Full PDB file with SEQRES, HELIX, SHEET, SSBOND, CRYST1, ORIGX, SCALE, CONECT and MASTER records, all heavy atoms in Angstrom:
SEQRES   1 A   40  TYR GLU SER ILE SER GLN ASP VAL LEU THR ASP GLU LYS          
SEQRES   2 A   40  TRP LEU GLY PHE VAL ILE GLY GLN ILE LEU SER ASN ALA          
SEQRES   3 A   40  LEU LYS TYR THR ARG THR GLY GLY ILE ARG ILE TYR LEU          
SEQRES   4 A   40  GLU                                                          
HELIX    1 AA1 GLU A   12  TYR A   29  1                                  18    
CRYST1    1.000    1.000    1.000  90.00  90.00  90.00 P 1           1          
ORIGX1      1.000000  0.000000  0.000000        0.00000                         
ORIGX2      0.000000  1.000000  0.000000        0.00000                         
ORIGX3      0.000000  0.000000  1.000000        0.00000                         
SCALE1      1.000000  0.000000  0.000000        0.00000                         
SCALE2      0.000000  1.000000  0.000000        0.00000                         
SCALE3      0.000000  0.000000  1.000000        0.00000                         
ATOM      1  N   TYR A   1      10.729 -19.293  -2.082  1.00  0.00           N  
ATOM      2  CA  TYR A   1      11.216 -18.231  -2.949  1.00  0.00           C  
ATOM      3  C   TYR A   1      12.068 -18.839  -4.053  1.00  0.00           C  
ATOM      4  O   TYR A   1      12.963 -19.628  -3.777  1.00  0.00           O  
ATOM      5  CB  TYR A   1      12.051 -17.208  -2.164  1.00  0.00           C  
ATOM      6  CG  TYR A   1      12.663 -16.149  -3.038  1.00  0.00           C  
ATOM      7  CD1 TYR A   1      11.871 -15.184  -3.650  1.00  0.00           C  
ATOM      8  CD2 TYR A   1      14.031 -16.127  -3.285  1.00  0.00           C  
ATOM      9  CE1 TYR A   1      12.424 -14.221  -4.473  1.00  0.00           C  
ATOM     10  CE2 TYR A   1      14.596 -15.169  -4.096  1.00  0.00           C  
ATOM     11  CZ  TYR A   1      13.788 -14.214  -4.688  1.00  0.00           C  
ATOM     12  OH  TYR A   1      14.346 -13.271  -5.512  1.00  0.00           O  
ATOM     13  N   GLU A   2      11.766 -18.466  -5.286  1.00  0.00           N  
ATOM     14  CA  GLU A   2      12.592 -18.851  -6.426  1.00  0.00           C  
ATOM     15  C   GLU A   2      13.198 -17.588  -7.012  1.00  0.00           C  
ATOM     16  O   GLU A   2      12.558 -16.529  -7.028  1.00  0.00           O  
ATOM     17  CB  GLU A   2      11.742 -19.561  -7.481  1.00  0.00           C  
ATOM     18  CG  GLU A   2      11.269 -20.925  -7.043  1.00  0.00           C  
ATOM     19  CD  GLU A   2      10.451 -21.623  -8.127  1.00  0.00           C  
ATOM     20  OE1 GLU A   2      10.547 -21.230  -9.304  1.00  0.00           O  
ATOM     21  OE2 GLU A   2       9.724 -22.543  -7.771  1.00  0.00           O  
ATOM     22  N   SER A   3      14.385 -17.710  -7.501  1.00  0.00           N  
ATOM     23  CA  SER A   3      15.094 -16.578  -8.074  1.00  0.00           C  
ATOM     24  C   SER A   3      14.220 -15.820  -9.076  1.00  0.00           C  
ATOM     25  O   SER A   3      13.506 -16.423  -9.871  1.00  0.00           O  
ATOM     26  CB  SER A   3      16.363 -17.092  -8.763  1.00  0.00           C  
ATOM     27  OG  SER A   3      17.078 -16.018  -9.293  1.00  0.00           O  
ATOM     28  N   ILE A   4      14.300 -14.497  -9.011  1.00  0.00           N  
ATOM     29  CA  ILE A   4      13.540 -13.635  -9.917  1.00  0.00           C  
ATOM     30  C   ILE A   4      14.539 -12.912 -10.809  1.00  0.00           C  
ATOM     31  O   ILE A   4      15.378 -12.155 -10.317  1.00  0.00           O  
ATOM     32  CB  ILE A   4      12.699 -12.613  -9.118  1.00  0.00           C  
ATOM     33  CG1 ILE A   4      11.622 -13.330  -8.318  1.00  0.00           C  
ATOM     34  CG2 ILE A   4      12.099 -11.565 -10.043  1.00  0.00           C  
ATOM     35  CD1 ILE A   4      10.853 -12.434  -7.367  1.00  0.00           C  
ATOM     36  N   SER A   5      14.452 -13.143 -12.098  1.00  0.00           N  
ATOM     37  CA  SER A   5      15.377 -12.478 -13.022  1.00  0.00           C  
ATOM     38  C   SER A   5      14.679 -11.265 -13.636  1.00  0.00           C  
ATOM     39  O   SER A   5      14.266 -11.276 -14.781  1.00  0.00           O  
ATOM     40  CB  SER A   5      15.853 -13.440 -14.110  1.00  0.00           C  
ATOM     41  OG  SER A   5      14.740 -13.923 -14.828  1.00  0.00           O  
ATOM     42  N   GLN A   6      14.552 -10.230 -12.815  1.00  0.00           N  
ATOM     43  CA  GLN A   6      13.844  -9.029 -13.253  1.00  0.00           C  
ATOM     44  C   GLN A   6      14.514  -7.802 -12.649  1.00  0.00           C  
ATOM     45  O   GLN A   6      14.795  -7.765 -11.461  1.00  0.00           O  
ATOM     46  CB  GLN A   6      12.386  -9.090 -12.794  1.00  0.00           C  
ATOM     47  CG  GLN A   6      11.542  -7.944 -13.260  1.00  0.00           C  
ATOM     48  CD  GLN A   6      11.334  -7.957 -14.756  1.00  0.00           C  
ATOM     49  OE1 GLN A   6      10.911  -8.942 -15.321  1.00  0.00           O  
ATOM     50  NE2 GLN A   6      11.661  -6.865 -15.407  1.00  0.00           N  
ATOM     51  N   ASP A   7      14.770  -6.817 -13.489  1.00  0.00           N  
ATOM     52  CA  ASP A   7      15.263  -5.541 -13.004  1.00  0.00           C  
ATOM     53  C   ASP A   7      14.090  -4.579 -12.879  1.00  0.00           C  
ATOM     54  O   ASP A   7      13.116  -4.676 -13.631  1.00  0.00           O  
ATOM     55  CB  ASP A   7      16.285  -4.942 -13.969  1.00  0.00           C  
ATOM     56  CG  ASP A   7      17.608  -5.689 -13.960  1.00  0.00           C  
ATOM     57  OD1 ASP A   7      17.838  -6.491 -13.032  1.00  0.00           O  
ATOM     58  OD2 ASP A   7      18.408  -5.473 -14.887  1.00  0.00           O  
ATOM     59  N   VAL A   8      14.187  -3.665 -11.933  1.00  0.00           N  
ATOM     60  CA  VAL A   8      13.189  -2.613 -11.792  1.00  0.00           C  
ATOM     61  C   VAL A   8      13.907  -1.279 -11.646  1.00  0.00           C  
ATOM     62  O   VAL A   8      15.032  -1.218 -11.151  1.00  0.00           O  
ATOM     63  CB  VAL A   8      12.250  -2.839 -10.582  1.00  0.00           C  
ATOM     64  CG1 VAL A   8      11.350  -4.034 -10.805  1.00  0.00           C  
ATOM     65  CG2 VAL A   8      13.016  -2.993  -9.284  1.00  0.00           C  
ATOM     66  N   LEU A   9      13.251  -0.211 -12.096  1.00  0.00           N  
ATOM     67  CA  LEU A   9      13.789   1.127 -11.921  1.00  0.00           C  
ATOM     68  C   LEU A   9      13.367   1.598 -10.536  1.00  0.00           C  
ATOM     69  O   LEU A   9      12.171   1.791 -10.272  1.00  0.00           O  
ATOM     70  CB  LEU A   9      13.252   2.073 -13.000  1.00  0.00           C  
ATOM     71  CG  LEU A   9      13.767   3.506 -12.931  1.00  0.00           C  
ATOM     72  CD1 LEU A   9      15.281   3.544 -13.107  1.00  0.00           C  
ATOM     73  CD2 LEU A   9      13.090   4.362 -13.984  1.00  0.00           C  
ATOM     74  N   THR A  10      14.335   1.726  -9.642  1.00  0.00           N  
ATOM     75  CA  THR A  10      14.015   2.036  -8.252  1.00  0.00           C  
ATOM     76  C   THR A  10      15.259   2.546  -7.551  1.00  0.00           C  
ATOM     77  O   THR A  10      16.324   2.674  -8.157  1.00  0.00           O  
ATOM     78  CB  THR A  10      13.450   0.781  -7.541  1.00  0.00           C  
ATOM     79  OG1 THR A  10      12.837   1.174  -6.318  1.00  0.00           O  
ATOM     80  CG2 THR A  10      14.511  -0.276  -7.300  1.00  0.00           C  
ATOM     81  N   ASP A  11      15.140   2.803  -6.291  1.00  0.00           N  
ATOM     82  CA  ASP A  11      16.278   3.092  -5.429  1.00  0.00           C  
ATOM     83  C   ASP A  11      16.505   1.842  -4.582  1.00  0.00           C  
ATOM     84  O   ASP A  11      15.633   1.454  -3.803  1.00  0.00           O  
ATOM     85  CB  ASP A  11      15.982   4.302  -4.536  1.00  0.00           C  
ATOM     86  CG  ASP A  11      17.158   4.649  -3.642  1.00  0.00           C  
ATOM     87  OD1 ASP A  11      17.431   3.871  -2.693  1.00  0.00           O  
ATOM     88  OD2 ASP A  11      17.800   5.675  -3.878  1.00  0.00           O  
ATOM     89  N   GLU A  12      17.645   1.213  -4.766  1.00  0.00           N  
ATOM     90  CA  GLU A  12      17.922  -0.072  -4.123  1.00  0.00           C  
ATOM     91  C   GLU A  12      17.822  -0.003  -2.601  1.00  0.00           C  
ATOM     92  O   GLU A  12      17.241  -0.878  -1.960  1.00  0.00           O  
ATOM     93  CB  GLU A  12      19.311  -0.555  -4.547  1.00  0.00           C  
ATOM     94  CG  GLU A  12      19.651  -1.927  -4.065  1.00  0.00           C  
ATOM     95  CD  GLU A  12      20.943  -2.459  -4.678  1.00  0.00           C  
ATOM     96  OE1 GLU A  12      21.506  -1.826  -5.594  1.00  0.00           O  
ATOM     97  OE2 GLU A  12      21.376  -3.531  -4.220  1.00  0.00           O  
ATOM     98  N   LYS A  13      18.373   1.028  -2.013  1.00  0.00           N  
ATOM     99  CA  LYS A  13      18.371   1.170  -0.553  1.00  0.00           C  
ATOM    100  C   LYS A  13      16.951   1.291  -0.015  1.00  0.00           C  
ATOM    101  O   LYS A  13      16.567   0.594   0.928  1.00  0.00           O  
ATOM    102  CB  LYS A  13      19.189   2.406  -0.156  1.00  0.00           C  
ATOM    103  CG  LYS A  13      19.089   2.780   1.308  1.00  0.00           C  
ATOM    104  CD  LYS A  13      19.878   4.052   1.566  1.00  0.00           C  
ATOM    105  CE  LYS A  13      19.115   4.957   2.490  1.00  0.00           C  
ATOM    106  NZ  LYS A  13      19.786   6.229   2.711  1.00  0.00           N  
ATOM    107  N   TRP A  14      16.154   2.154  -0.613  1.00  0.00           N  
ATOM    108  CA  TRP A  14      14.810   2.407  -0.103  1.00  0.00           C  
ATOM    109  C   TRP A  14      13.855   1.254  -0.384  1.00  0.00           C  
ATOM    110  O   TRP A  14      13.027   0.906   0.462  1.00  0.00           O  
ATOM    111  CB  TRP A  14      14.261   3.729  -0.623  1.00  0.00           C  
ATOM    112  CG  TRP A  14      14.975   4.881   0.018  1.00  0.00           C  
ATOM    113  CD1 TRP A  14      15.858   5.736  -0.575  1.00  0.00           C  
ATOM    114  CD2 TRP A  14      14.894   5.282   1.386  1.00  0.00           C  
ATOM    115  NE1 TRP A  14      16.336   6.651   0.351  1.00  0.00           N  
ATOM    116  CE2 TRP A  14      15.750   6.395   1.563  1.00  0.00           C  
ATOM    117  CE3 TRP A  14      14.180   4.820   2.488  1.00  0.00           C  
ATOM    118  CZ2 TRP A  14      15.906   7.039   2.787  1.00  0.00           C  
ATOM    119  CZ3 TRP A  14      14.333   5.471   3.707  1.00  0.00           C  
ATOM    120  CH2 TRP A  14      15.190   6.559   3.845  1.00  0.00           C  
ATOM    121  N   LEU A  15      13.976   0.619  -1.555  1.00  0.00           N  
ATOM    122  CA  LEU A  15      13.140  -0.551  -1.821  1.00  0.00           C  
ATOM    123  C   LEU A  15      13.534  -1.685  -0.872  1.00  0.00           C  
ATOM    124  O   LEU A  15      12.675  -2.411  -0.372  1.00  0.00           O  
ATOM    125  CB  LEU A  15      13.240  -1.008  -3.276  1.00  0.00           C  
ATOM    126  CG  LEU A  15      12.353  -2.203  -3.630  1.00  0.00           C  
ATOM    127  CD1 LEU A  15      10.878  -1.906  -3.373  1.00  0.00           C  
ATOM    128  CD2 LEU A  15      12.574  -2.616  -5.074  1.00  0.00           C  
ATOM    129  N   GLY A  16      14.821  -1.824  -0.592  1.00  0.00           N  
ATOM    130  CA  GLY A  16      15.280  -2.824   0.370  1.00  0.00           C  
ATOM    131  C   GLY A  16      14.675  -2.572   1.750  1.00  0.00           C  
ATOM    132  O   GLY A  16      14.276  -3.507   2.442  1.00  0.00           O  
ATOM    133  N   PHE A  17      14.584  -1.304   2.147  1.00  0.00           N  
ATOM    134  CA  PHE A  17      13.962  -0.961   3.418  1.00  0.00           C  
ATOM    135  C   PHE A  17      12.509  -1.436   3.449  1.00  0.00           C  
ATOM    136  O   PHE A  17      12.055  -2.034   4.431  1.00  0.00           O  
ATOM    137  CB  PHE A  17      14.022   0.556   3.658  1.00  0.00           C  
ATOM    138  CG  PHE A  17      13.231   0.995   4.862  1.00  0.00           C  
ATOM    139  CD1 PHE A  17      13.796   0.984   6.121  1.00  0.00           C  
ATOM    140  CD2 PHE A  17      11.901   1.394   4.734  1.00  0.00           C  
ATOM    141  CE1 PHE A  17      13.062   1.375   7.241  1.00  0.00           C  
ATOM    142  CE2 PHE A  17      11.159   1.784   5.841  1.00  0.00           C  
ATOM    143  CZ  PHE A  17      11.741   1.769   7.093  1.00  0.00           C  
ATOM    144  N   VAL A  18      11.765  -1.184   2.363  1.00  0.00           N  
ATOM    145  CA  VAL A  18      10.348  -1.565   2.303  1.00  0.00           C  
ATOM    146  C   VAL A  18      10.201  -3.079   2.368  1.00  0.00           C  
ATOM    147  O   VAL A  18       9.406  -3.604   3.159  1.00  0.00           O  
ATOM    148  CB  VAL A  18       9.674  -0.996   1.039  1.00  0.00           C  
ATOM    149  CG1 VAL A  18       8.273  -1.576   0.853  1.00  0.00           C  
ATOM    150  CG2 VAL A  18       9.627   0.525   1.089  1.00  0.00           C  
ATOM    151  N   ILE A  19      10.966  -3.794   1.563  1.00  0.00           N  
ATOM    152  CA  ILE A  19      10.871  -5.260   1.564  1.00  0.00           C  
ATOM    153  C   ILE A  19      11.261  -5.814   2.936  1.00  0.00           C  
ATOM    154  O   ILE A  19      10.615  -6.721   3.460  1.00  0.00           O  
ATOM    155  CB  ILE A  19      11.730  -5.869   0.433  1.00  0.00           C  
ATOM    156  CG1 ILE A  19      11.106  -5.515  -0.921  1.00  0.00           C  
ATOM    157  CG2 ILE A  19      11.864  -7.381   0.586  1.00  0.00           C  
ATOM    158  CD1 ILE A  19      11.957  -5.866  -2.130  1.00  0.00           C  
ATOM    159  N   GLY A  20      12.277  -5.240   3.550  1.00  0.00           N  
ATOM    160  CA  GLY A  20      12.676  -5.651   4.894  1.00  0.00           C  
ATOM    161  C   GLY A  20      11.567  -5.407   5.912  1.00  0.00           C  
ATOM    162  O   GLY A  20      11.317  -6.250   6.782  1.00  0.00           O  
ATOM    163  N   GLN A  21      10.890  -4.289   5.802  1.00  0.00           N  
ATOM    164  CA  GLN A  21       9.796  -3.981   6.720  1.00  0.00           C  
ATOM    165  C   GLN A  21       8.653  -4.979   6.548  1.00  0.00           C  
ATOM    166  O   GLN A  21       8.084  -5.453   7.538  1.00  0.00           O  
ATOM    167  CB  GLN A  21       9.289  -2.548   6.460  1.00  0.00           C  
ATOM    168  CG  GLN A  21       8.177  -2.129   7.388  1.00  0.00           C  
ATOM    169  CD  GLN A  21       8.604  -2.129   8.838  1.00  0.00           C  
ATOM    170  OE1 GLN A  21       9.619  -1.555   9.201  1.00  0.00           O  
ATOM    171  NE2 GLN A  21       7.826  -2.781   9.686  1.00  0.00           N  
ATOM    172  N   ILE A  22       8.337  -5.314   5.316  1.00  0.00           N  
ATOM    173  CA  ILE A  22       7.258  -6.272   5.044  1.00  0.00           C  
ATOM    174  C   ILE A  22       7.635  -7.651   5.592  1.00  0.00           C  
ATOM    175  O   ILE A  22       6.823  -8.323   6.225  1.00  0.00           O  
ATOM    176  CB  ILE A  22       6.951  -6.353   3.531  1.00  0.00           C  
ATOM    177  CG1 ILE A  22       6.580  -4.979   2.955  1.00  0.00           C  
ATOM    178  CG2 ILE A  22       5.876  -7.386   3.243  1.00  0.00           C  
ATOM    179  CD1 ILE A  22       5.467  -4.240   3.628  1.00  0.00           C  
ATOM    180  N   LEU A  23       8.884  -8.073   5.355  1.00  0.00           N  
ATOM    181  CA  LEU A  23       9.345  -9.357   5.901  1.00  0.00           C  
ATOM    182  C   LEU A  23       9.327  -9.347   7.428  1.00  0.00           C  
ATOM    183  O   LEU A  23       8.920 -10.329   8.058  1.00  0.00           O  
ATOM    184  CB  LEU A  23      10.745  -9.691   5.400  1.00  0.00           C  
ATOM    185  CG  LEU A  23      10.849 -10.303   4.018  1.00  0.00           C  
ATOM    186  CD1 LEU A  23      12.323 -10.484   3.625  1.00  0.00           C  
ATOM    187  CD2 LEU A  23      10.126 -11.629   3.953  1.00  0.00           C  
ATOM    188  N   SER A  24       9.761  -8.253   8.022  1.00  0.00           N  
ATOM    189  CA  SER A  24       9.764  -8.140   9.474  1.00  0.00           C  
ATOM    190  C   SER A  24       8.353  -8.307  10.040  1.00  0.00           C  
ATOM    191  O   SER A  24       8.142  -9.044  11.005  1.00  0.00           O  
ATOM    192  CB  SER A  24      10.341  -6.781   9.883  1.00  0.00           C  
ATOM    193  OG  SER A  24      10.203  -6.577  11.267  1.00  0.00           O  
ATOM    194  N   ASN A  25       7.380  -7.632   9.428  1.00  0.00           N  
ATOM    195  CA  ASN A  25       5.992  -7.772   9.871  1.00  0.00           C  
ATOM    196  C   ASN A  25       5.485  -9.195   9.690  1.00  0.00           C  
ATOM    197  O   ASN A  25       4.829  -9.748  10.574  1.00  0.00           O  
ATOM    198  CB  ASN A  25       5.082  -6.806   9.108  1.00  0.00           C  
ATOM    199  CG  ASN A  25       5.187  -5.387   9.613  1.00  0.00           C  
ATOM    200  OD1 ASN A  25       5.844  -5.103  10.609  1.00  0.00           O  
ATOM    201  ND2 ASN A  25       4.546  -4.480   8.907  1.00  0.00           N  
ATOM    202  N   ALA A  26       5.787  -9.785   8.540  1.00  0.00           N  
ATOM    203  CA  ALA A  26       5.342 -11.156   8.275  1.00  0.00           C  
ATOM    204  C   ALA A  26       5.912 -12.108   9.323  1.00  0.00           C  
ATOM    205  O   ALA A  26       5.204 -12.970   9.852  1.00  0.00           O  
ATOM    206  CB  ALA A  26       5.748 -11.588   6.868  1.00  0.00           C  
ATOM    207  N   LEU A  27       7.184 -11.951   9.635  1.00  0.00           N  
ATOM    208  CA  LEU A  27       7.815 -12.809  10.637  1.00  0.00           C  
ATOM    209  C   LEU A  27       7.253 -12.552  12.032  1.00  0.00           C  
ATOM    210  O   LEU A  27       7.071 -13.486  12.820  1.00  0.00           O  
ATOM    211  CB  LEU A  27       9.328 -12.604  10.626  1.00  0.00           C  
ATOM    212  CG  LEU A  27      10.052 -13.188   9.419  1.00  0.00           C  
ATOM    213  CD1 LEU A  27      11.453 -12.607   9.287  1.00  0.00           C  
ATOM    214  CD2 LEU A  27      10.090 -14.705   9.499  1.00  0.00           C  
ATOM    215  N   LYS A  28       6.972 -11.319  12.336  1.00  0.00           N  
ATOM    216  CA  LYS A  28       6.440 -10.957  13.661  1.00  0.00           C  
ATOM    217  C   LYS A  28       5.070 -11.587  13.913  1.00  0.00           C  
ATOM    218  O   LYS A  28       4.780 -12.035  15.016  1.00  0.00           O  
ATOM    219  CB  LYS A  28       6.329  -9.432  13.766  1.00  0.00           C  
ATOM    220  CG  LYS A  28       5.938  -8.944  15.144  1.00  0.00           C  
ATOM    221  CD  LYS A  28       5.645  -7.442  15.207  1.00  0.00           C  
ATOM    222  CE  LYS A  28       6.675  -6.565  14.584  1.00  0.00           C  
ATOM    223  NZ  LYS A  28       6.379  -5.126  14.735  1.00  0.00           N  
ATOM    224  N   TYR A  29       4.241 -11.639  12.858  1.00  0.00           N  
ATOM    225  CA  TYR A  29       2.861 -12.084  13.036  1.00  0.00           C  
ATOM    226  C   TYR A  29       2.585 -13.492  12.497  1.00  0.00           C  
ATOM    227  O   TYR A  29       1.439 -13.895  12.399  1.00  0.00           O  
ATOM    228  CB  TYR A  29       1.904 -11.071  12.410  1.00  0.00           C  
ATOM    229  CG  TYR A  29       1.966  -9.730  13.111  1.00  0.00           C  
ATOM    230  CD1 TYR A  29       2.525  -8.621  12.491  1.00  0.00           C  
ATOM    231  CD2 TYR A  29       1.496  -9.594  14.410  1.00  0.00           C  
ATOM    232  CE1 TYR A  29       2.587  -7.397  13.141  1.00  0.00           C  
ATOM    233  CE2 TYR A  29       1.561  -8.374  15.076  1.00  0.00           C  
ATOM    234  CZ  TYR A  29       2.105  -7.275  14.433  1.00  0.00           C  
ATOM    235  OH  TYR A  29       2.170  -6.074  15.081  1.00  0.00           O  
ATOM    236  N   THR A  30       3.627 -14.236  12.137  1.00  0.00           N  
ATOM    237  CA  THR A  30       3.458 -15.610  11.662  1.00  0.00           C  
ATOM    238  C   THR A  30       4.058 -16.558  12.687  1.00  0.00           C  
ATOM    239  O   THR A  30       5.255 -16.494  12.974  1.00  0.00           O  
ATOM    240  CB  THR A  30       4.129 -15.813  10.277  1.00  0.00           C  
ATOM    241  OG1 THR A  30       3.546 -14.889   9.360  1.00  0.00           O  
ATOM    242  CG2 THR A  30       3.929 -17.224   9.772  1.00  0.00           C  
ATOM    243  N   ARG A  31       3.218 -17.424  13.215  1.00  0.00           N  
ATOM    244  CA  ARG A  31       3.679 -18.368  14.245  1.00  0.00           C  
ATOM    245  C   ARG A  31       3.975 -19.740  13.663  1.00  0.00           C  
ATOM    246  O   ARG A  31       4.859 -20.445  14.133  1.00  0.00           O  
ATOM    247  CB  ARG A  31       2.624 -18.471  15.343  1.00  0.00           C  
ATOM    248  CG  ARG A  31       2.458 -17.162  16.089  1.00  0.00           C  
ATOM    249  CD  ARG A  31       1.466 -17.264  17.232  1.00  0.00           C  
ATOM    250  NE  ARG A  31       1.284 -15.955  17.834  1.00  0.00           N  
ATOM    251  CZ  ARG A  31       0.154 -15.255  17.773  1.00  0.00           C  
ATOM    252  NH1 ARG A  31      -0.902 -15.750  17.161  1.00  0.00           N  
ATOM    253  NH2 ARG A  31       0.079 -14.071  18.336  1.00  0.00           N  
ATOM    254  N   THR A  32       3.190 -20.152  12.665  1.00  0.00           N  
ATOM    255  CA  THR A  32       3.400 -21.444  12.002  1.00  0.00           C  
ATOM    256  C   THR A  32       3.246 -21.255  10.505  1.00  0.00           C  
ATOM    257  O   THR A  32       2.657 -20.277  10.045  1.00  0.00           O  
ATOM    258  CB  THR A  32       2.373 -22.504  12.475  1.00  0.00           C  
ATOM    259  OG1 THR A  32       1.066 -22.051  12.134  1.00  0.00           O  
ATOM    260  CG2 THR A  32       2.474 -22.749  13.967  1.00  0.00           C  
ATOM    261  N   GLY A  33       3.756 -22.216   9.760  1.00  0.00           N  
ATOM    262  CA  GLY A  33       3.644 -22.128   8.299  1.00  0.00           C  
ATOM    263  C   GLY A  33       4.850 -21.431   7.735  1.00  0.00           C  
ATOM    264  O   GLY A  33       5.985 -21.828   7.974  1.00  0.00           O  
ATOM    265  N   GLY A  34       4.600 -20.358   7.005  1.00  0.00           N  
ATOM    266  CA  GLY A  34       5.735 -19.684   6.421  1.00  0.00           C  
ATOM    267  C   GLY A  34       5.380 -18.492   5.562  1.00  0.00           C  
ATOM    268  O   GLY A  34       4.272 -17.971   5.592  1.00  0.00           O  
ATOM    269  N   ILE A  35       6.367 -18.102   4.770  1.00  0.00           N  
ATOM    270  CA  ILE A  35       6.270 -16.922   3.918  1.00  0.00           C  
ATOM    271  C   ILE A  35       6.632 -17.330   2.501  1.00  0.00           C  
ATOM    272  O   ILE A  35       7.580 -18.088   2.283  1.00  0.00           O  
ATOM    273  CB  ILE A  35       7.208 -15.813   4.431  1.00  0.00           C  
ATOM    274  CG1 ILE A  35       6.739 -15.367   5.830  1.00  0.00           C  
ATOM    275  CG2 ILE A  35       7.253 -14.636   3.465  1.00  0.00           C  
ATOM    276  CD1 ILE A  35       7.706 -14.473   6.565  1.00  0.00           C  
ATOM    277  N   ARG A  36       5.870 -16.825   1.571  1.00  0.00           N  
ATOM    278  CA  ARG A  36       6.091 -17.101   0.148  1.00  0.00           C  
ATOM    279  C   ARG A  36       6.307 -15.775  -0.565  1.00  0.00           C  
ATOM    280  O   ARG A  36       5.546 -14.830  -0.362  1.00  0.00           O  
ATOM    281  CB  ARG A  36       4.864 -17.818  -0.402  1.00  0.00           C  
ATOM    282  CG  ARG A  36       4.957 -18.200  -1.831  1.00  0.00           C  
ATOM    283  CD  ARG A  36       3.745 -19.042  -2.228  1.00  0.00           C  
ATOM    284  NE  ARG A  36       3.703 -19.158  -3.657  1.00  0.00           N  
ATOM    285  CZ  ARG A  36       2.626 -18.972  -4.401  1.00  0.00           C  
ATOM    286  NH1 ARG A  36       1.476 -18.683  -3.835  1.00  0.00           N  
ATOM    287  NH2 ARG A  36       2.690 -19.089  -5.698  1.00  0.00           N  
ATOM    288  N   ILE A  37       7.348 -15.714  -1.387  1.00  0.00           N  
ATOM    289  CA  ILE A  37       7.665 -14.498  -2.138  1.00  0.00           C  
ATOM    290  C   ILE A  37       7.701 -14.873  -3.616  1.00  0.00           C  
ATOM    291  O   ILE A  37       8.435 -15.786  -4.007  1.00  0.00           O  
ATOM    292  CB  ILE A  37       9.028 -13.912  -1.718  1.00  0.00           C  
ATOM    293  CG1 ILE A  37       9.048 -13.640  -0.212  1.00  0.00           C  
ATOM    294  CG2 ILE A  37       9.338 -12.649  -2.512  1.00  0.00           C  
ATOM    295  CD1 ILE A  37      10.420 -13.269   0.328  1.00  0.00           C  
ATOM    296  N   TYR A  38       6.919 -14.163  -4.424  1.00  0.00           N  
ATOM    297  CA  TYR A  38       6.890 -14.467  -5.856  1.00  0.00           C  
ATOM    298  C   TYR A  38       6.514 -13.233  -6.663  1.00  0.00           C  
ATOM    299  O   TYR A  38       6.043 -12.226  -6.120  1.00  0.00           O  
ATOM    300  CB  TYR A  38       5.944 -15.627  -6.152  1.00  0.00           C  
ATOM    301  CG  TYR A  38       4.510 -15.435  -5.695  1.00  0.00           C  
ATOM    302  CD1 TYR A  38       3.531 -15.014  -6.576  1.00  0.00           C  
ATOM    303  CD2 TYR A  38       4.142 -15.687  -4.373  1.00  0.00           C  
ATOM    304  CE1 TYR A  38       2.216 -14.850  -6.155  1.00  0.00           C  
ATOM    305  CE2 TYR A  38       2.837 -15.529  -3.950  1.00  0.00           C  
ATOM    306  CZ  TYR A  38       1.876 -15.108  -4.845  1.00  0.00           C  
ATOM    307  OH  TYR A  38       0.575 -14.940  -4.427  1.00  0.00           O  
ATOM    308  N   LEU A  39       6.729 -13.326  -7.958  1.00  0.00           N  
ATOM    309  CA  LEU A  39       6.488 -12.215  -8.872  1.00  0.00           C  
ATOM    310  C   LEU A  39       5.358 -12.572  -9.822  1.00  0.00           C  
ATOM    311  O   LEU A  39       5.311 -13.691 -10.335  1.00  0.00           O  
ATOM    312  CB  LEU A  39       7.768 -11.925  -9.678  1.00  0.00           C  
ATOM    313  CG  LEU A  39       7.759 -10.681 -10.552  1.00  0.00           C  
ATOM    314  CD1 LEU A  39       7.752  -9.417  -9.703  1.00  0.00           C  
ATOM    315  CD2 LEU A  39       8.978 -10.687 -11.462  1.00  0.00           C  
ATOM    316  N   GLU A  40       4.460 -11.633 -10.019  1.00  0.00           N  
ATOM    317  CA  GLU A  40       3.424 -11.774 -11.038  1.00  0.00           C  
ATOM    318  C   GLU A  40       3.647 -10.699 -12.088  1.00  0.00           C  
ATOM    319  O   GLU A  40       3.979  -9.564 -11.750  1.00  0.00           O  
ATOM    320  CB  GLU A  40       2.018 -11.594 -10.450  1.00  0.00           C  
ATOM    321  CG  GLU A  40       1.469 -12.810  -9.810  1.00  0.00           C  
ATOM    322  CD  GLU A  40      -0.009 -12.679  -9.464  1.00  0.00           C  
ATOM    323  OE1 GLU A  40      -0.597 -11.596  -9.632  1.00  0.00           O  
ATOM    324  OE2 GLU A  40      -0.551 -13.682  -9.006  1.00  0.00           O  
TER     325      GLU A  40                                                      
MASTER        0    0    0    1    0    0    0    6  324    1    0    4          
END                                                                             
């Protein structure tokens, strides 16, 4: 993960919940290797 200098119009609490859920799933189902987070 590299720092992302981008603002978005959103609700911080609820978007944080979604990103946390996605990370939780990724961690639950990843045994080796890792996770990559990036912006396109």
